[in-house]
N, C-alpha and C. Protein backbone atom coordinates (compact mmCIF):
# COMPACT_ATOMS: atom_id res chain seq x y z
N MET A 1 8.85 -17.82 6.10
CA MET A 1 7.97 -16.99 5.29
C MET A 1 6.95 -17.89 4.59
N LEU A 2 5.71 -17.45 4.61
CA LEU A 2 4.65 -18.20 3.94
C LEU A 2 4.86 -18.20 2.43
N PRO A 3 4.45 -19.27 1.77
CA PRO A 3 4.48 -19.24 0.31
C PRO A 3 3.41 -18.26 -0.20
N LEU A 4 3.67 -17.65 -1.34
CA LEU A 4 2.77 -16.65 -1.89
C LEU A 4 1.35 -17.19 -2.07
N HIS A 5 1.20 -18.40 -2.56
CA HIS A 5 -0.14 -18.94 -2.82
C HIS A 5 -0.98 -19.04 -1.55
N SER A 6 -0.36 -19.10 -0.38
CA SER A 6 -1.13 -19.21 0.86
C SER A 6 -1.89 -17.93 1.21
N LEU A 7 -1.58 -16.83 0.51
CA LEU A 7 -2.28 -15.57 0.78
C LEU A 7 -3.58 -15.45 -0.02
N GLY A 8 -3.83 -16.38 -0.92
CA GLY A 8 -5.10 -16.40 -1.64
C GLY A 8 -5.19 -15.41 -2.77
N GLU A 9 -6.43 -15.05 -3.09
CA GLU A 9 -6.71 -14.24 -4.28
C GLU A 9 -7.11 -12.80 -3.98
N ARG A 10 -7.13 -12.42 -2.72
CA ARG A 10 -7.43 -11.03 -2.34
C ARG A 10 -6.47 -10.65 -1.22
N ILE A 11 -5.42 -9.93 -1.61
CA ILE A 11 -4.32 -9.65 -0.70
C ILE A 11 -4.28 -8.16 -0.37
N VAL A 12 -4.27 -7.86 0.92
CA VAL A 12 -4.09 -6.47 1.37
C VAL A 12 -2.61 -6.25 1.67
N VAL A 13 -2.12 -5.07 1.28
CA VAL A 13 -0.74 -4.67 1.57
C VAL A 13 -0.82 -3.41 2.41
N LEU A 14 -0.38 -3.51 3.66
CA LEU A 14 -0.44 -2.40 4.61
C LEU A 14 0.96 -1.93 4.97
N GLY A 15 1.02 -0.72 5.52
CA GLY A 15 2.28 -0.19 6.02
C GLY A 15 2.27 1.32 5.97
N PRO A 16 3.26 1.93 6.59
CA PRO A 16 3.31 3.39 6.61
C PRO A 16 3.61 3.96 5.23
N SER A 17 3.40 5.25 5.09
CA SER A 17 3.65 5.95 3.83
C SER A 17 5.07 5.74 3.34
N ASN A 18 5.19 5.47 2.06
CA ASN A 18 6.48 5.32 1.37
C ASN A 18 7.27 4.09 1.81
N ALA A 19 6.57 3.06 2.28
CA ALA A 19 7.24 1.82 2.67
C ALA A 19 7.40 0.86 1.50
N GLY A 20 6.75 1.15 0.36
CA GLY A 20 6.85 0.28 -0.81
C GLY A 20 5.59 -0.50 -1.10
N LYS A 21 4.47 -0.11 -0.52
CA LYS A 21 3.21 -0.85 -0.70
C LYS A 21 2.76 -0.90 -2.16
N SER A 22 2.73 0.24 -2.82
CA SER A 22 2.24 0.28 -4.20
C SER A 22 3.15 -0.48 -5.14
N THR A 23 4.45 -0.35 -4.95
CA THR A 23 5.41 -1.07 -5.79
C THR A 23 5.24 -2.57 -5.62
N LEU A 24 5.07 -3.02 -4.37
CA LEU A 24 4.84 -4.44 -4.11
C LEU A 24 3.51 -4.89 -4.71
N ALA A 25 2.48 -4.08 -4.60
CA ALA A 25 1.18 -4.45 -5.16
C ALA A 25 1.27 -4.65 -6.66
N VAL A 26 2.00 -3.80 -7.35
CA VAL A 26 2.15 -3.95 -8.80
C VAL A 26 2.95 -5.20 -9.12
N ALA A 27 4.02 -5.46 -8.37
CA ALA A 27 4.83 -6.67 -8.60
C ALA A 27 3.98 -7.93 -8.39
N LEU A 28 3.17 -7.94 -7.33
CA LEU A 28 2.28 -9.07 -7.08
C LEU A 28 1.23 -9.20 -8.18
N SER A 29 0.71 -8.08 -8.64
CA SER A 29 -0.27 -8.07 -9.70
C SER A 29 0.30 -8.70 -10.97
N LYS A 30 1.53 -8.32 -11.31
CA LYS A 30 2.18 -8.89 -12.50
C LYS A 30 2.43 -10.38 -12.34
N LYS A 31 2.84 -10.80 -11.15
CA LYS A 31 3.14 -12.21 -10.89
C LYS A 31 1.88 -13.07 -10.90
N LEU A 32 0.82 -12.57 -10.26
CA LEU A 32 -0.39 -13.36 -10.05
C LEU A 32 -1.47 -13.15 -11.11
N GLY A 33 -1.39 -12.04 -11.83
CA GLY A 33 -2.43 -11.73 -12.81
C GLY A 33 -3.69 -11.15 -12.19
N PHE A 34 -3.59 -10.67 -10.96
CA PHE A 34 -4.71 -10.02 -10.28
C PHE A 34 -4.57 -8.51 -10.48
N PRO A 35 -5.68 -7.77 -10.50
CA PRO A 35 -5.55 -6.32 -10.59
C PRO A 35 -4.96 -5.72 -9.31
N ALA A 36 -4.13 -4.70 -9.50
CA ALA A 36 -3.61 -3.93 -8.37
C ALA A 36 -4.55 -2.75 -8.15
N ILE A 37 -4.99 -2.59 -6.92
CA ILE A 37 -5.87 -1.48 -6.56
C ILE A 37 -5.14 -0.63 -5.53
N HIS A 38 -4.90 0.62 -5.90
CA HIS A 38 -4.19 1.55 -5.03
C HIS A 38 -5.23 2.45 -4.35
N LEU A 39 -5.40 2.29 -3.05
CA LEU A 39 -6.43 3.06 -2.35
C LEU A 39 -6.19 4.56 -2.44
N ASP A 40 -4.93 4.99 -2.52
CA ASP A 40 -4.68 6.43 -2.67
C ASP A 40 -5.32 6.97 -3.95
N GLN A 41 -5.36 6.14 -5.00
CA GLN A 41 -5.99 6.59 -6.26
C GLN A 41 -7.51 6.67 -6.12
N LEU A 42 -8.07 5.85 -5.26
CA LEU A 42 -9.51 5.94 -5.01
C LEU A 42 -9.84 7.10 -4.09
N LYS A 43 -8.96 7.40 -3.15
CA LYS A 43 -9.19 8.45 -2.16
C LYS A 43 -9.03 9.85 -2.75
N HIS A 44 -8.17 9.98 -3.76
CA HIS A 44 -7.83 11.31 -4.29
C HIS A 44 -8.33 11.49 -5.72
N LEU A 45 -8.62 12.72 -6.06
CA LEU A 45 -9.10 13.06 -7.39
C LEU A 45 -7.95 13.14 -8.38
N PRO A 46 -8.09 12.53 -9.56
CA PRO A 46 -7.03 12.63 -10.55
C PRO A 46 -6.86 14.07 -11.03
N ASN A 47 -5.70 14.36 -11.60
CA ASN A 47 -5.39 15.68 -12.16
C ASN A 47 -5.42 16.79 -11.11
N THR A 48 -5.07 16.42 -9.87
CA THR A 48 -4.98 17.41 -8.78
C THR A 48 -3.67 17.19 -8.06
N ASP A 49 -3.39 18.04 -7.10
CA ASP A 49 -2.23 17.86 -6.22
C ASP A 49 -2.70 17.09 -4.98
N TRP A 50 -3.24 15.88 -5.24
CA TRP A 50 -3.71 14.95 -4.21
C TRP A 50 -4.89 15.50 -3.41
N GLN A 51 -5.83 16.13 -4.11
CA GLN A 51 -7.07 16.60 -3.47
C GLN A 51 -7.95 15.39 -3.16
N GLN A 52 -8.47 15.33 -1.93
CA GLN A 52 -9.26 14.18 -1.50
C GLN A 52 -10.69 14.24 -2.05
N ARG A 53 -11.21 13.04 -2.33
CA ARG A 53 -12.62 12.91 -2.70
C ARG A 53 -13.46 13.06 -1.43
N PRO A 54 -14.73 13.34 -1.57
CA PRO A 54 -15.62 13.28 -0.39
C PRO A 54 -15.61 11.87 0.19
N ASP A 55 -15.71 11.76 1.51
CA ASP A 55 -15.62 10.46 2.19
C ASP A 55 -16.62 9.44 1.66
N ALA A 56 -17.86 9.87 1.42
CA ALA A 56 -18.88 8.93 0.94
C ALA A 56 -18.51 8.36 -0.43
N GLU A 57 -17.95 9.19 -1.29
CA GLU A 57 -17.55 8.73 -2.62
C GLU A 57 -16.39 7.73 -2.52
N PHE A 58 -15.40 8.06 -1.66
CA PHE A 58 -14.27 7.15 -1.47
C PHE A 58 -14.74 5.82 -0.90
N THR A 59 -15.61 5.85 0.10
CA THR A 59 -16.12 4.62 0.71
C THR A 59 -16.84 3.78 -0.34
N ALA A 60 -17.64 4.40 -1.19
CA ALA A 60 -18.37 3.65 -2.23
C ALA A 60 -17.38 3.00 -3.21
N LEU A 61 -16.34 3.72 -3.60
CA LEU A 61 -15.32 3.16 -4.51
C LEU A 61 -14.59 2.00 -3.85
N HIS A 62 -14.22 2.18 -2.59
CA HIS A 62 -13.53 1.13 -1.83
C HIS A 62 -14.40 -0.11 -1.72
N ASP A 63 -15.65 0.07 -1.31
CA ASP A 63 -16.54 -1.06 -1.09
C ASP A 63 -16.85 -1.79 -2.39
N ALA A 64 -16.91 -1.09 -3.51
CA ALA A 64 -17.10 -1.75 -4.80
C ALA A 64 -15.85 -2.54 -5.18
N ALA A 65 -14.68 -1.99 -4.93
CA ALA A 65 -13.42 -2.65 -5.29
C ALA A 65 -13.23 -3.95 -4.51
N ILE A 66 -13.57 -3.97 -3.24
CA ILE A 66 -13.33 -5.18 -2.45
C ILE A 66 -14.28 -6.32 -2.83
N LEU A 67 -15.34 -6.03 -3.57
CA LEU A 67 -16.27 -7.07 -3.99
C LEU A 67 -15.73 -7.90 -5.16
N GLU A 68 -14.68 -7.41 -5.82
CA GLU A 68 -14.09 -8.17 -6.92
C GLU A 68 -13.54 -9.49 -6.40
N GLU A 69 -13.43 -10.47 -7.28
CA GLU A 69 -12.97 -11.80 -6.88
C GLU A 69 -11.47 -11.88 -6.62
N GLN A 70 -10.68 -11.10 -7.33
CA GLN A 70 -9.22 -11.13 -7.17
C GLN A 70 -8.70 -9.71 -7.13
N TRP A 71 -7.75 -9.47 -6.23
CA TRP A 71 -7.07 -8.18 -6.18
C TRP A 71 -5.88 -8.23 -5.24
N VAL A 72 -5.00 -7.27 -5.49
CA VAL A 72 -3.94 -6.91 -4.54
C VAL A 72 -4.20 -5.45 -4.25
N MET A 73 -4.52 -5.13 -3.01
CA MET A 73 -4.95 -3.78 -2.64
C MET A 73 -3.96 -3.18 -1.65
N ASP A 74 -3.38 -2.04 -2.04
CA ASP A 74 -2.45 -1.40 -1.13
C ASP A 74 -3.05 -0.11 -0.58
N GLY A 75 -2.73 0.13 0.67
CA GLY A 75 -3.21 1.33 1.36
C GLY A 75 -3.79 0.95 2.71
N ASN A 76 -3.92 1.93 3.55
CA ASN A 76 -4.34 1.67 4.92
C ASN A 76 -5.78 2.10 5.16
N TYR A 77 -6.00 3.38 5.35
CA TYR A 77 -7.34 3.90 5.61
C TYR A 77 -8.06 3.03 6.63
N SER A 78 -7.60 3.14 7.86
CA SER A 78 -8.03 2.27 8.97
C SER A 78 -9.53 2.19 9.12
N ARG A 79 -10.22 3.26 8.85
CA ARG A 79 -11.68 3.30 9.02
C ARG A 79 -12.36 2.24 8.14
N LEU A 80 -11.74 1.90 7.02
CA LEU A 80 -12.34 0.94 6.08
C LEU A 80 -11.73 -0.45 6.18
N MET A 81 -10.81 -0.65 7.12
CA MET A 81 -10.16 -1.95 7.24
C MET A 81 -11.11 -3.09 7.58
N PRO A 82 -12.11 -2.90 8.44
CA PRO A 82 -12.96 -4.04 8.79
C PRO A 82 -13.60 -4.70 7.56
N GLN A 83 -14.20 -3.92 6.67
CA GLN A 83 -14.83 -4.54 5.51
C GLN A 83 -13.79 -5.07 4.52
N ARG A 84 -12.61 -4.45 4.46
CA ARG A 84 -11.55 -4.95 3.57
C ARG A 84 -11.03 -6.28 4.09
N PHE A 85 -10.77 -6.37 5.40
CA PHE A 85 -10.30 -7.63 5.99
C PHE A 85 -11.35 -8.73 5.87
N ALA A 86 -12.62 -8.38 5.92
CA ALA A 86 -13.67 -9.39 5.79
C ALA A 86 -13.64 -10.05 4.42
N ARG A 87 -13.17 -9.35 3.39
CA ARG A 87 -13.09 -9.91 2.03
C ARG A 87 -11.70 -10.45 1.70
N ALA A 88 -10.67 -9.97 2.39
CA ALA A 88 -9.30 -10.36 2.07
C ALA A 88 -9.06 -11.82 2.41
N THR A 89 -8.09 -12.41 1.70
CA THR A 89 -7.69 -13.79 1.96
C THR A 89 -6.26 -13.87 2.50
N GLY A 90 -5.55 -12.75 2.50
CA GLY A 90 -4.18 -12.71 3.02
C GLY A 90 -3.73 -11.27 3.17
N ALA A 91 -2.65 -11.09 3.94
CA ALA A 91 -2.16 -9.74 4.23
C ALA A 91 -0.64 -9.71 4.23
N ILE A 92 -0.11 -8.56 3.84
CA ILE A 92 1.32 -8.30 3.90
C ILE A 92 1.50 -6.97 4.60
N LEU A 93 2.39 -6.94 5.57
CA LEU A 93 2.70 -5.71 6.29
C LEU A 93 4.13 -5.31 5.98
N LEU A 94 4.30 -4.08 5.50
CA LEU A 94 5.62 -3.53 5.24
C LEU A 94 5.91 -2.45 6.27
N SER A 95 7.13 -2.43 6.73
CA SER A 95 7.57 -1.32 7.57
C SER A 95 9.05 -1.13 7.32
N SER A 96 9.50 0.08 7.52
CA SER A 96 10.91 0.36 7.36
C SER A 96 11.23 1.64 8.11
N ASN A 97 12.48 1.93 8.18
CA ASN A 97 12.98 3.11 8.87
C ASN A 97 12.32 4.38 8.32
N HIS A 98 11.91 5.26 9.23
CA HIS A 98 11.21 6.48 8.79
C HIS A 98 12.12 7.39 7.97
N TRP A 99 13.43 7.35 8.19
CA TRP A 99 14.35 8.17 7.39
C TRP A 99 14.40 7.66 5.96
N LEU A 100 14.38 6.35 5.78
CA LEU A 100 14.34 5.77 4.44
C LEU A 100 13.04 6.17 3.74
N ARG A 101 11.94 6.10 4.46
CA ARG A 101 10.65 6.45 3.88
C ARG A 101 10.58 7.93 3.52
N LEU A 102 11.18 8.78 4.35
CA LEU A 102 11.21 10.21 4.06
C LEU A 102 12.04 10.48 2.81
N GLY A 103 13.17 9.79 2.68
CA GLY A 103 13.99 9.92 1.48
C GLY A 103 13.22 9.50 0.23
N ARG A 104 12.45 8.43 0.34
CA ARG A 104 11.63 7.99 -0.79
C ARG A 104 10.59 9.05 -1.16
N TYR A 105 10.01 9.69 -0.14
CA TYR A 105 9.03 10.75 -0.41
C TYR A 105 9.67 11.88 -1.21
N PHE A 106 10.83 12.34 -0.78
CA PHE A 106 11.49 13.43 -1.50
C PHE A 106 11.85 13.00 -2.92
N LYS A 107 12.36 11.80 -3.06
CA LYS A 107 12.76 11.31 -4.38
C LYS A 107 11.57 11.25 -5.33
N ARG A 108 10.47 10.67 -4.86
CA ARG A 108 9.33 10.53 -5.76
C ARG A 108 8.65 11.86 -6.04
N THR A 109 8.73 12.78 -5.11
CA THR A 109 8.08 14.08 -5.31
C THR A 109 8.95 15.01 -6.16
N LEU A 110 10.23 15.05 -5.88
CA LEU A 110 11.11 15.95 -6.62
C LEU A 110 11.36 15.48 -8.04
N ILE A 111 11.49 14.18 -8.21
CA ILE A 111 11.70 13.65 -9.55
C ILE A 111 10.38 13.62 -10.30
N ASN A 112 9.28 13.49 -9.54
CA ASN A 112 7.92 13.52 -10.09
C ASN A 112 7.74 12.49 -11.20
N ARG A 113 8.07 11.27 -10.89
CA ARG A 113 7.93 10.19 -11.86
C ARG A 113 6.47 9.80 -11.98
N SER A 114 5.88 10.12 -13.12
CA SER A 114 4.46 9.80 -13.31
C SER A 114 4.25 8.32 -13.62
N ASP A 115 5.34 7.57 -13.80
CA ASP A 115 5.20 6.15 -14.10
C ASP A 115 5.39 5.27 -12.87
N ARG A 116 5.57 5.87 -11.70
CA ARG A 116 5.78 5.05 -10.51
C ARG A 116 4.49 4.39 -10.08
N ALA A 117 4.63 3.28 -9.41
CA ALA A 117 3.48 2.53 -8.93
C ALA A 117 2.62 3.39 -8.01
N GLY A 118 1.33 3.38 -8.23
CA GLY A 118 0.41 4.10 -7.38
C GLY A 118 0.30 5.58 -7.64
N HIS A 119 0.97 6.08 -8.67
CA HIS A 119 0.93 7.51 -8.96
C HIS A 119 -0.49 7.93 -9.33
N LEU A 120 -0.88 9.08 -8.88
CA LEU A 120 -2.21 9.62 -9.18
C LEU A 120 -2.19 10.23 -10.58
N GLU A 121 -3.09 9.76 -11.42
CA GLU A 121 -3.14 10.25 -12.81
C GLU A 121 -3.20 11.77 -12.87
N GLY A 122 -2.27 12.35 -13.62
CA GLY A 122 -2.26 13.79 -13.82
C GLY A 122 -1.90 14.61 -12.59
N ALA A 123 -1.41 13.96 -11.55
CA ALA A 123 -1.11 14.68 -10.31
C ALA A 123 0.05 15.64 -10.50
N GLN A 124 -0.04 16.76 -9.86
CA GLN A 124 1.03 17.74 -9.82
C GLN A 124 1.63 17.69 -8.42
N ASP A 125 2.52 16.72 -8.21
CA ASP A 125 3.10 16.54 -6.88
C ASP A 125 3.92 17.75 -6.46
N SER A 126 3.88 18.02 -5.18
CA SER A 126 4.71 19.08 -4.60
C SER A 126 5.07 18.66 -3.18
N ILE A 127 6.20 19.18 -2.71
CA ILE A 127 6.62 18.90 -1.34
C ILE A 127 5.62 19.58 -0.40
N LYS A 128 5.14 18.80 0.57
CA LYS A 128 4.16 19.32 1.52
C LYS A 128 4.69 19.09 2.94
N TRP A 129 4.68 20.14 3.75
CA TRP A 129 5.13 20.01 5.14
C TRP A 129 4.28 19.00 5.89
N GLU A 130 2.98 18.97 5.57
CA GLU A 130 2.09 18.02 6.24
C GLU A 130 2.54 16.58 5.97
N MET A 131 2.97 16.32 4.74
CA MET A 131 3.41 14.98 4.39
C MET A 131 4.74 14.64 5.04
N ILE A 132 5.64 15.61 5.10
CA ILE A 132 6.92 15.39 5.79
C ILE A 132 6.66 15.03 7.24
N HIS A 133 5.79 15.76 7.90
CA HIS A 133 5.43 15.49 9.29
C HIS A 133 4.76 14.13 9.40
N TRP A 134 3.88 13.80 8.44
CA TRP A 134 3.18 12.52 8.44
C TRP A 134 4.18 11.37 8.39
N VAL A 135 5.14 11.44 7.46
CA VAL A 135 6.11 10.36 7.29
C VAL A 135 7.09 10.30 8.45
N ALA A 136 7.63 11.46 8.85
CA ALA A 136 8.70 11.49 9.85
C ALA A 136 8.21 11.32 11.28
N VAL A 137 6.98 11.73 11.56
CA VAL A 137 6.52 11.73 12.95
C VAL A 137 5.24 10.90 13.14
N ARG A 138 4.19 11.26 12.45
CA ARG A 138 2.88 10.69 12.74
C ARG A 138 2.77 9.20 12.45
N THR A 139 3.44 8.71 11.41
CA THR A 139 3.31 7.29 11.07
C THR A 139 4.52 6.47 11.51
N ARG A 140 5.34 7.04 12.35
CA ARG A 140 6.57 6.36 12.76
C ARG A 140 6.28 4.99 13.37
N ASP A 141 5.24 4.87 14.18
CA ASP A 141 4.91 3.61 14.85
C ASP A 141 3.62 2.97 14.32
N SER A 142 3.16 3.38 13.15
CA SER A 142 1.88 2.88 12.65
C SER A 142 1.93 1.39 12.33
N SER A 143 3.11 0.85 12.04
CA SER A 143 3.20 -0.58 11.73
C SER A 143 2.72 -1.43 12.89
N LEU A 144 2.89 -0.96 14.12
CA LEU A 144 2.41 -1.71 15.29
C LEU A 144 0.89 -1.83 15.25
N LYS A 145 0.24 -0.74 14.92
CA LYS A 145 -1.23 -0.72 14.83
C LYS A 145 -1.70 -1.66 13.71
N TYR A 146 -1.03 -1.61 12.57
CA TYR A 146 -1.42 -2.47 11.44
C TYR A 146 -1.15 -3.94 11.76
N ALA A 147 -0.06 -4.22 12.43
CA ALA A 147 0.25 -5.61 12.82
C ALA A 147 -0.83 -6.15 13.73
N GLN A 148 -1.29 -5.34 14.67
CA GLN A 148 -2.35 -5.78 15.58
C GLN A 148 -3.64 -6.03 14.80
N ALA A 149 -3.97 -5.17 13.86
CA ALA A 149 -5.19 -5.34 13.06
C ALA A 149 -5.11 -6.64 12.24
N ILE A 150 -3.95 -6.92 11.68
CA ILE A 150 -3.78 -8.15 10.90
C ILE A 150 -3.93 -9.37 11.80
N ARG A 151 -3.29 -9.34 12.98
CA ARG A 151 -3.41 -10.48 13.91
C ARG A 151 -4.87 -10.71 14.28
N GLN A 152 -5.59 -9.65 14.57
CA GLN A 152 -7.00 -9.78 14.95
C GLN A 152 -7.86 -10.29 13.80
N SER A 153 -7.44 -10.04 12.57
CA SER A 153 -8.21 -10.49 11.41
C SER A 153 -8.13 -12.00 11.22
N GLY A 154 -7.05 -12.61 11.70
CA GLY A 154 -6.85 -14.04 11.52
C GLY A 154 -6.39 -14.43 10.12
N LEU A 155 -6.08 -13.46 9.28
CA LEU A 155 -5.63 -13.75 7.93
C LEU A 155 -4.21 -14.30 7.92
N PRO A 156 -3.89 -15.19 6.96
CA PRO A 156 -2.49 -15.56 6.80
C PRO A 156 -1.72 -14.30 6.41
N ALA A 157 -0.56 -14.11 7.01
CA ALA A 157 0.14 -12.84 6.83
C ALA A 157 1.64 -13.02 6.75
N VAL A 158 2.26 -12.06 6.07
CA VAL A 158 3.71 -11.96 5.97
C VAL A 158 4.08 -10.55 6.40
N GLU A 159 5.14 -10.45 7.20
CA GLU A 159 5.61 -9.13 7.63
C GLU A 159 7.04 -8.93 7.17
N CYS A 160 7.28 -7.77 6.57
CA CYS A 160 8.63 -7.36 6.19
C CYS A 160 8.96 -6.11 6.99
N GLY A 161 9.79 -6.27 8.01
CA GLY A 161 10.09 -5.18 8.93
C GLY A 161 11.25 -4.30 8.54
N THR A 162 11.96 -4.67 7.47
CA THR A 162 13.09 -3.86 7.01
C THR A 162 13.12 -3.87 5.48
N ALA A 163 13.89 -2.96 4.92
CA ALA A 163 14.07 -2.96 3.47
C ALA A 163 14.73 -4.26 3.01
N ALA A 164 15.65 -4.78 3.80
CA ALA A 164 16.32 -6.04 3.46
C ALA A 164 15.31 -7.20 3.43
N ALA A 165 14.38 -7.21 4.38
CA ALA A 165 13.36 -8.26 4.41
C ALA A 165 12.44 -8.15 3.19
N LEU A 166 12.13 -6.94 2.79
CA LEU A 166 11.30 -6.74 1.60
C LEU A 166 12.05 -7.23 0.35
N ASN A 167 13.33 -6.92 0.25
CA ASN A 167 14.13 -7.41 -0.88
C ASN A 167 14.16 -8.93 -0.90
N GLN A 168 14.25 -9.54 0.28
CA GLN A 168 14.23 -11.01 0.36
C GLN A 168 12.89 -11.57 -0.09
N LEU A 169 11.82 -10.89 0.25
CA LEU A 169 10.49 -11.32 -0.19
C LEU A 169 10.40 -11.34 -1.72
N TYR A 170 10.92 -10.29 -2.35
CA TYR A 170 10.93 -10.24 -3.82
C TYR A 170 11.69 -11.44 -4.39
N ARG A 171 12.84 -11.77 -3.78
CA ARG A 171 13.63 -12.90 -4.28
C ARG A 171 12.93 -14.23 -4.03
N THR A 172 12.41 -14.42 -2.82
CA THR A 172 11.77 -15.69 -2.45
C THR A 172 10.55 -15.97 -3.33
N TRP A 173 9.74 -14.96 -3.57
CA TRP A 173 8.52 -15.14 -4.37
C TRP A 173 8.78 -14.91 -5.86
N ASP A 174 10.02 -14.63 -6.24
CA ASP A 174 10.40 -14.39 -7.63
C ASP A 174 9.51 -13.31 -8.26
N LEU A 175 9.43 -12.18 -7.57
CA LEU A 175 8.61 -11.07 -8.04
C LEU A 175 9.42 -10.19 -8.97
N PRO A 176 8.76 -9.61 -9.97
CA PRO A 176 9.48 -8.68 -10.85
C PRO A 176 9.84 -7.41 -10.09
N THR A 177 11.02 -6.88 -10.32
CA THR A 177 11.42 -5.64 -9.66
C THR A 177 11.04 -4.48 -10.56
N LEU A 178 10.49 -3.45 -9.94
CA LEU A 178 10.02 -2.28 -10.66
C LEU A 178 10.82 -1.06 -10.29
N ARG A 179 11.75 -1.22 -9.34
CA ARG A 179 12.47 -0.07 -8.83
C ARG A 179 13.67 0.27 -9.67
């Protein structure tokens, strides 16, 4: 595993929904002193049930955020990856079993913890069939696509393919646990 400092000052965290990207971004932010930027918060309007912003507005927010000198940015949004990778100095890919990720979705939605990493301000979370399908079916193999994008970027990268590997990453890098 690469040492944390080898990822530089602008780190992208990719992976399927509910893999732990936002939690890791906050832990890295606390450890490194860089701001955590959650792309879901830029993509969606606060005080809604995850209503999306217009694409042009989201793109403008994304492009402004990547111009900062230091950040840990979690989220995928493949359409915007080229410009994000052009500014990034390192990448982390998380993946885990889709059943584990589905369980995390239910837990975070039913408990509705507004203090969880990456939570949308004022959001009124609710169980959505579209999201269940997204987690259980549509993003089941998305880690392969993200791994290929990271390889093509040439960025120094770390991959955590299981929950156990992610836990080991926290221990190795001495990251604060937020879970």
